[in-house]
């Protein structure tokens, strides 16, 4: 019976650690996506002739025309 309690406590700790890791990973991904969007926006706002052919995933051609 004691073994089951220890196993349950260990699994609970493991699950808690995994949830924290996933949360931190998701936060990092969100920050990177935000930074990429900012950089893409800056490049598109420059409006250089040499950049006019660029397309980004977050700003497809149809959406870019609205900006």
C-alpha atoms as a PDB file:
ATOM      1  CA  UNK A   1       0.000   0.000   0.000  1.00  0.00           C
ATOM      2  CA  UNK A   2       2.858   2.380   0.845  1.00  0.00           C
ATOM      3  CA  UNK A   3       4.389   1.637  -2.560  1.00  0.00           C
ATOM      4  CA  UNK A   4       1.190   2.777  -4.296  1.00  0.00           C
ATOM      5  CA  UNK A   5       1.196   6.046  -2.359  1.00  0.00           C
ATOM      6  CA  UNK A   6       4.831   6.714  -3.254  1.00  0.00           C
ATOM      7  CA  UNK A   7       4.170   5.916  -6.897  1.00  0.00           C
ATOM      8  CA  UNK A   8       1.128   8.198  -6.944  1.00  0.00           C
ATOM      9  CA  UNK A   9       3.097  11.029  -5.323  1.00  0.00           C
ATOM     10  CA  UNK A  10       5.944  10.566  -7.816  1.00  0.00           C
ATOM     11  CA  UNK A  11       3.555  10.602 -10.749  1.00  0.00           C
ATOM     12  CA  UNK A  12       1.879  13.729  -9.411  1.00  0.00           C
ATOM     13  CA  UNK A  13       5.244  15.489  -9.097  1.00  0.00           C
ATOM     14  CA  UNK A  14       6.235  14.372 -12.585  1.00  0.00           C
ATOM     15  CA  UNK A  15       2.975  15.613 -14.055  1.00  0.00           C
ATOM     16  CA  UNK A  16       3.340  18.950 -12.279  1.00  0.00           C
ATOM     17  CA  UNK A  17       6.881  19.351 -13.642  1.00  0.00           C
ATOM     18  CA  UNK A  18       5.767  18.513 -17.167  1.00  0.00           C
ATOM     19  CA  UNK A  19       2.920  21.034 -17.003  1.00  0.00           C
ATOM     20  CA  UNK A  20       5.341  23.746 -15.878  1.00  0.00           C
ATOM     21  CA  UNK A  21       7.789  22.869 -18.683  1.00  0.00           C
ATOM     22  CA  UNK A  22       5.074  22.969 -21.338  1.00  0.00           C
ATOM     23  CA  UNK A  23       3.826  26.294 -20.003  1.00  0.00           C
ATOM     24  CA  UNK A  24       7.300  27.832 -20.179  1.00  0.00           C
ATOM     25  CA  UNK A  25       7.815  26.414 -23.665  1.00  0.00           C
ATOM     26  CA  UNK A  26       4.495  27.853 -24.865  1.00  0.00           C
ATOM     27  CA  UNK A  27       5.407  31.236 -23.400  1.00  0.00           C
ATOM     28  CA  UNK A  28       8.751  31.197 -25.218  1.00  0.00           C
ATOM     29  CA  UNK A  29       7.087  30.267 -28.504  1.00  0.00           C
ATOM     30  CA  UNK A  30       4.549  33.064 -28.096  1.00  0.00           C
ATOM     31  CA  UNK A  31       7.329  35.583 -27.450  1.00  0.00           C
ATOM     32  CA  UNK A  32       9.243  34.394 -30.519  1.00  0.00           C
ATOM     33  CA  UNK A  33       6.126  34.605 -32.689  1.00  0.00           C
ATOM     34  CA  UNK A  34       5.498  38.141 -31.485  1.00  0.00           C
ATOM     35  CA  UNK A  35       9.089  39.172 -32.225  1.00  0.00           C
ATOM     36  CA  UNK A  36       8.964  37.593 -35.699  1.00  0.00           C
ATOM     37  CA  UNK A  37       5.736  39.456 -36.445  1.00  0.00           C
ATOM     38  CA  UNK A  38       7.351  42.710 -35.323  1.00  0.00           C
ATOM     39  CA  UNK A  39      10.376  42.127 -37.546  1.00  0.00           C
ATOM     40  CA  UNK A  40       8.212  41.200 -40.539  1.00  0.00           C
ATOM     41  CA  UNK A  41       6.102  44.316 -40.007  1.00  0.00           C
ATOM     42  CA  UNK A  42       9.232  46.482 -39.865  1.00  0.00           C
ATOM     43  CA  UNK A  43      10.528  45.024 -43.132  1.00  0.00           C
ATOM     44  CA  UNK A  44       7.181  45.525 -44.860  1.00  0.00           C
ATOM     45  CA  UNK A  45       6.841  49.074 -43.534  1.00  0.00           C
ATOM     46  CA  UNK A  46      10.177  50.048 -45.040  1.00  0.00           C
ATOM     47  CA  UNK A  47       8.487  49.695 -48.424  1.00  0.00           C
ATOM     48  CA  UNK A  48      11.737  49.408 -50.350  1.00  0.00           C
ATOM     49  CA  UNK A  49      11.432  48.348 -53.979  1.00  0.00           C
ATOM     50  CA  UNK A  50      13.715  45.421 -53.272  1.00  0.00           C
ATOM     51  CA  UNK A  51      11.428  44.234 -50.453  1.00  0.00           C
ATOM     52  CA  UNK A  52       8.191  44.518 -52.435  1.00  0.00           C
ATOM     53  CA  UNK A  53       8.453  40.917 -53.614  1.00  0.00           C
ATOM     54  CA  UNK A  54       8.718  39.529 -50.062  1.00  0.00           C
ATOM     55  CA  UNK A  55       5.884  37.540 -48.578  1.00  0.00           C
ATOM     56  CA  UNK A  56       5.706  36.356 -45.004  1.00  0.00           C
ATOM     57  CA  UNK A  57       3.558  33.658 -43.492  1.00  0.00           C
ATOM     58  CA  UNK A  58       1.993  36.101 -41.037  1.00  0.00           C
ATOM     59  CA  UNK A  59       1.367  38.688 -43.757  1.00  0.00           C
ATOM     60  CA  UNK A  60       0.138  37.007 -46.954  1.00  0.00           C
ATOM     61  CA  UNK A  61      -0.203  39.198 -50.045  1.00  0.00           C
ATOM     62  CA  UNK A  62      -3.972  39.739 -49.605  1.00  0.00           C
ATOM     63  CA  UNK A  63      -3.604  40.798 -46.008  1.00  0.00           C
ATOM     64  CA  UNK A  64      -0.576  42.965 -46.766  1.00  0.00           C
ATOM     65  CA  UNK A  65      -2.595  45.159 -49.129  1.00  0.00           C
ATOM     66  CA  UNK A  66      -4.973  46.007 -46.264  1.00  0.00           C
ATOM     67  CA  UNK A  67      -2.111  47.249 -44.105  1.00  0.00           C
END
